[in-house]
Structure formats: structure tokens, C-alpha cells
Amino acid sequence: MPIYEYECKACGHRLEKLQKVSAAPLTDCPACETSQLARLISAAGFRLAGGGWYETDFKSGGKKNLAGESGDKAASSATSTESKATA
């Protein structure tokens, strides 16, 4: 379920609400109790990081993981540990 952001046009109160995609948007402001609440458009709240399809299939050239080199070393050591355990 996505988290939607709302802002009241009357008083400026902002809130977040966890709702189903099929749920009707909220209209009543909990702060001033008017029916001027509007859903805001915002960026998604996740980032693809670490090894996997994004790292291997869609990055090219010298682009590196934004998490840094230390995160890549930790992921590769965890993978090598798993390989040794299954062998």
C-alpha cells in the first residue's frame, strides 16, 4: 500500500496517510475540519541499491553505486560466505 501526502488548501496542514490504491482520496482536514484537503504528487520513497539487476543491467561505463564502495564489498563478502556454506 502506498503512502499518500495531503495538504489542506484552507489552513496549510500537511499529513501522510497509508491507503490502498483503490481507496477514495481524503477530503476533510483533521486540523481545521474543512473539506479542502488535496492529495499531493511526490517522488517515490525507495531507491534501488546494492548488487542485482539494476547494477548489472542498466548502469554503464564508470557509473558507481551511490551507496559507496564499502557497501559493495560487504555485499560481495556476504555472497562469498553463502557460496562456501552451500559447497
N, C-alpha and C. Protein backbone atom coordinates (compact mmCIF):
# COMPACT_ATOMS: atom_id res chain seq x y z
N MET A 1 0.84 -1.18 0.00
CA MET A 1 0.00 0.00 0.00
C MET A 1 0.89 1.24 0.00
N PRO A 2 0.56 2.20 -0.86
CA PRO A 2 1.35 3.43 -0.91
C PRO A 2 0.99 4.41 0.20
N ILE A 3 1.91 5.29 0.47
CA ILE A 3 1.69 6.38 1.42
C ILE A 3 1.41 7.64 0.60
N TYR A 4 0.25 8.23 0.83
CA TYR A 4 -0.13 9.45 0.12
C TYR A 4 0.08 10.66 1.01
N GLU A 5 0.48 11.78 0.39
CA GLU A 5 0.64 13.04 1.10
C GLU A 5 -0.54 13.94 0.76
N TYR A 6 -1.04 14.64 1.77
CA TYR A 6 -2.16 15.56 1.60
C TYR A 6 -1.80 16.92 2.18
N GLU A 7 -2.41 17.96 1.61
CA GLU A 7 -2.25 19.32 2.14
C GLU A 7 -3.61 20.01 2.09
N CYS A 8 -3.94 20.71 3.16
CA CYS A 8 -5.20 21.45 3.24
C CYS A 8 -5.02 22.80 2.55
N LYS A 9 -5.91 23.11 1.63
CA LYS A 9 -5.86 24.39 0.91
C LYS A 9 -6.27 25.55 1.82
N ALA A 10 -7.03 25.27 2.87
CA ALA A 10 -7.51 26.32 3.76
C ALA A 10 -6.47 26.71 4.80
N CYS A 11 -5.91 25.73 5.52
CA CYS A 11 -5.01 26.06 6.63
C CYS A 11 -3.55 25.68 6.38
N GLY A 12 -3.27 24.91 5.33
CA GLY A 12 -1.90 24.53 5.01
C GLY A 12 -1.40 23.30 5.77
N HIS A 13 -2.25 22.67 6.55
CA HIS A 13 -1.86 21.46 7.31
C HIS A 13 -1.49 20.35 6.33
N ARG A 14 -0.37 19.65 6.62
CA ARG A 14 0.08 18.54 5.77
C ARG A 14 0.07 17.25 6.57
N LEU A 15 -0.25 16.14 5.89
CA LEU A 15 -0.25 14.84 6.54
C LEU A 15 0.04 13.75 5.53
N GLU A 16 0.42 12.59 6.04
CA GLU A 16 0.64 11.40 5.22
C GLU A 16 -0.35 10.34 5.67
N LYS A 17 -0.84 9.55 4.71
CA LYS A 17 -1.82 8.52 5.03
C LYS A 17 -1.51 7.27 4.21
N LEU A 18 -1.44 6.12 4.89
CA LEU A 18 -1.26 4.84 4.24
C LEU A 18 -2.63 4.37 3.76
N GLN A 19 -2.81 4.25 2.42
CA GLN A 19 -4.09 3.89 1.84
C GLN A 19 -3.92 2.92 0.69
N LYS A 20 -4.97 2.15 0.42
CA LYS A 20 -4.99 1.30 -0.76
C LYS A 20 -5.05 2.19 -2.00
N VAL A 21 -4.56 1.68 -3.12
CA VAL A 21 -4.60 2.42 -4.37
C VAL A 21 -6.05 2.69 -4.76
N SER A 22 -6.93 1.74 -4.48
CA SER A 22 -8.34 1.87 -4.86
C SER A 22 -9.16 2.73 -3.89
N ALA A 23 -8.58 3.14 -2.77
CA ALA A 23 -9.31 3.94 -1.77
C ALA A 23 -9.57 5.36 -2.29
N ALA A 24 -10.70 5.91 -1.91
CA ALA A 24 -11.03 7.29 -2.29
C ALA A 24 -10.11 8.26 -1.56
N PRO A 25 -9.71 9.35 -2.22
CA PRO A 25 -8.86 10.35 -1.56
C PRO A 25 -9.57 10.98 -0.36
N LEU A 26 -8.80 11.35 0.65
CA LEU A 26 -9.35 12.05 1.81
C LEU A 26 -9.76 13.46 1.39
N THR A 27 -10.79 14.01 2.02
CA THR A 27 -11.24 15.36 1.69
C THR A 27 -11.33 16.26 2.92
N ASP A 28 -11.54 15.70 4.10
CA ASP A 28 -11.71 16.50 5.32
C ASP A 28 -10.39 16.66 6.07
N CYS A 29 -10.02 17.91 6.35
CA CYS A 29 -8.80 18.23 7.07
C CYS A 29 -8.99 17.93 8.56
N PRO A 30 -8.07 17.18 9.18
CA PRO A 30 -8.20 16.90 10.61
C PRO A 30 -7.88 18.12 11.49
N ALA A 31 -7.18 19.11 10.95
CA ALA A 31 -6.80 20.29 11.74
C ALA A 31 -7.91 21.34 11.79
N CYS A 32 -8.42 21.73 10.62
CA CYS A 32 -9.42 22.81 10.59
C CYS A 32 -10.83 22.31 10.26
N GLU A 33 -10.96 21.03 9.96
CA GLU A 33 -12.24 20.36 9.69
C GLU A 33 -13.00 20.91 8.48
N THR A 34 -12.27 21.49 7.51
CA THR A 34 -12.89 21.88 6.25
C THR A 34 -12.70 20.76 5.24
N SER A 35 -13.41 20.82 4.14
CA SER A 35 -13.27 19.78 3.12
C SER A 35 -12.41 20.27 1.95
N GLN A 36 -11.23 20.78 2.28
CA GLN A 36 -10.34 21.31 1.26
C GLN A 36 -9.00 20.58 1.23
N LEU A 37 -8.99 19.32 1.63
CA LEU A 37 -7.76 18.51 1.61
C LEU A 37 -7.50 18.04 0.19
N ALA A 38 -6.28 18.19 -0.28
CA ALA A 38 -5.90 17.79 -1.64
C ALA A 38 -4.70 16.86 -1.59
N ARG A 39 -4.71 15.84 -2.41
CA ARG A 39 -3.59 14.89 -2.50
C ARG A 39 -2.45 15.55 -3.26
N LEU A 40 -1.24 15.42 -2.75
CA LEU A 40 -0.06 15.97 -3.39
C LEU A 40 0.62 14.91 -4.25
N ILE A 41 1.37 15.35 -5.22
CA ILE A 41 2.17 14.45 -6.04
C ILE A 41 3.59 14.53 -5.53
N SER A 42 4.19 13.39 -5.23
CA SER A 42 5.55 13.38 -4.70
C SER A 42 6.33 12.22 -5.31
N ALA A 43 7.62 12.23 -5.07
CA ALA A 43 8.51 11.19 -5.59
C ALA A 43 8.33 9.90 -4.81
N ALA A 44 8.67 8.81 -5.44
CA ALA A 44 8.61 7.51 -4.77
C ALA A 44 9.59 7.46 -3.61
N GLY A 45 9.26 6.67 -2.59
CA GLY A 45 10.08 6.62 -1.39
C GLY A 45 11.02 5.44 -1.32
N PHE A 46 11.58 5.00 -2.44
CA PHE A 46 12.53 3.91 -2.39
C PHE A 46 13.65 4.15 -3.40
N ARG A 47 14.76 3.46 -3.19
CA ARG A 47 15.90 3.57 -4.08
C ARG A 47 16.49 2.19 -4.28
N LEU A 48 16.77 1.82 -5.51
CA LEU A 48 17.40 0.54 -5.79
C LEU A 48 18.89 0.66 -5.48
N ALA A 49 19.41 -0.21 -4.62
CA ALA A 49 20.81 -0.15 -4.23
C ALA A 49 21.36 -1.55 -4.10
N GLY A 50 22.67 -1.64 -4.12
CA GLY A 50 23.32 -2.94 -3.96
C GLY A 50 23.45 -3.67 -5.28
N GLY A 51 23.88 -4.91 -5.21
CA GLY A 51 24.03 -5.72 -6.40
C GLY A 51 22.69 -6.20 -6.90
N GLY A 52 22.65 -6.55 -8.16
CA GLY A 52 21.39 -7.06 -8.70
C GLY A 52 21.15 -6.55 -10.10
N TRP A 53 19.92 -6.71 -10.57
CA TRP A 53 19.61 -6.36 -11.96
C TRP A 53 19.88 -4.90 -12.28
N TYR A 54 19.63 -3.99 -11.36
CA TYR A 54 19.84 -2.58 -11.64
C TYR A 54 21.33 -2.29 -11.84
N GLU A 55 22.15 -2.84 -10.95
CA GLU A 55 23.59 -2.62 -11.02
C GLU A 55 24.19 -3.25 -12.27
N THR A 56 23.75 -4.44 -12.62
CA THR A 56 24.40 -5.17 -13.70
C THR A 56 23.81 -4.88 -15.07
N ASP A 57 22.52 -4.58 -15.16
CA ASP A 57 21.88 -4.44 -16.46
C ASP A 57 21.71 -3.01 -16.96
N PHE A 58 21.59 -2.05 -16.09
CA PHE A 58 21.24 -0.71 -16.54
C PHE A 58 22.32 0.35 -16.32
N LYS A 59 23.37 0.06 -15.61
CA LYS A 59 24.44 1.04 -15.43
C LYS A 59 25.52 0.77 -16.47
N SER A 60 26.13 1.84 -16.96
CA SER A 60 27.17 1.66 -17.97
C SER A 60 28.37 2.53 -17.64
N GLY A 61 29.49 2.16 -18.21
CA GLY A 61 30.70 2.97 -18.06
C GLY A 61 31.21 3.02 -16.63
N GLY A 62 31.61 4.21 -16.20
CA GLY A 62 32.21 4.38 -14.88
C GLY A 62 31.21 4.73 -13.79
N LYS A 63 29.92 4.57 -14.05
CA LYS A 63 28.93 4.88 -13.02
C LYS A 63 29.05 3.88 -11.89
N LYS A 64 29.03 4.38 -10.66
CA LYS A 64 29.17 3.51 -9.49
C LYS A 64 27.93 3.59 -8.63
N ASN A 65 27.84 2.63 -7.72
CA ASN A 65 26.73 2.59 -6.77
C ASN A 65 26.79 3.82 -5.87
N LEU A 66 25.67 4.47 -5.65
CA LEU A 66 25.62 5.67 -4.80
C LEU A 66 25.89 5.35 -3.33
N ALA A 67 25.70 4.08 -2.93
CA ALA A 67 25.93 3.70 -1.54
C ALA A 67 27.42 3.67 -1.21
N GLY A 68 28.27 3.64 -2.23
CA GLY A 68 29.71 3.68 -2.00
C GLY A 68 30.35 2.31 -2.11
N GLU A 69 31.66 2.33 -2.10
CA GLU A 69 32.43 1.10 -2.26
C GLU A 69 32.30 0.16 -1.08
N SER A 70 32.17 0.68 0.14
CA SER A 70 32.10 -0.18 1.33
C SER A 70 30.88 -1.07 1.29
N GLY A 71 29.75 -0.57 0.77
CA GLY A 71 28.54 -1.37 0.65
C GLY A 71 28.72 -2.52 -0.33
N ASP A 72 29.47 -2.27 -1.43
CA ASP A 72 29.71 -3.31 -2.43
C ASP A 72 30.59 -4.42 -1.87
N LYS A 73 31.60 -4.06 -1.09
CA LYS A 73 32.48 -5.06 -0.51
C LYS A 73 31.74 -5.93 0.49
N ALA A 74 30.87 -5.33 1.28
CA ALA A 74 30.09 -6.08 2.27
C ALA A 74 29.15 -7.05 1.57
N ALA A 75 28.54 -6.62 0.47
CA ALA A 75 27.62 -7.49 -0.27
C ALA A 75 28.38 -8.65 -0.91
N SER A 76 29.57 -8.38 -1.47
CA SER A 76 30.31 -9.45 -2.13
C SER A 76 30.87 -10.44 -1.11
N SER A 77 31.25 -9.97 0.09
CA SER A 77 31.74 -10.90 1.10
C SER A 77 30.61 -11.76 1.64
N ALA A 78 29.41 -11.21 1.74
CA ALA A 78 28.25 -11.99 2.19
C ALA A 78 27.92 -13.06 1.16
N THR A 79 28.04 -12.73 -0.13
CA THR A 79 27.77 -13.69 -1.19
C THR A 79 28.80 -14.80 -1.17
N SER A 80 30.08 -14.47 -0.98
CA SER A 80 31.12 -15.49 -0.95
C SER A 80 30.97 -16.39 0.27
N THR A 81 30.50 -15.85 1.40
CA THR A 81 30.26 -16.63 2.59
C THR A 81 29.13 -17.63 2.35
N GLU A 82 28.07 -17.20 1.65
CA GLU A 82 26.96 -18.08 1.34
C GLU A 82 27.41 -19.19 0.40
N SER A 83 28.27 -18.86 -0.57
CA SER A 83 28.77 -19.87 -1.52
C SER A 83 29.57 -20.96 -0.79
N LYS A 84 30.39 -20.55 0.16
CA LYS A 84 31.20 -21.50 0.92
C LYS A 84 30.31 -22.38 1.79
N ALA A 85 29.24 -21.82 2.34
CA ALA A 85 28.35 -22.57 3.22
C ALA A 85 27.56 -23.63 2.46
N THR A 86 27.22 -23.34 1.19
CA THR A 86 26.45 -24.30 0.40
C THR A 86 27.33 -25.34 -0.25
N ALA A 87 28.62 -25.10 -0.36
CA ALA A 87 29.53 -26.03 -1.03
C ALA A 87 29.89 -27.24 -0.20
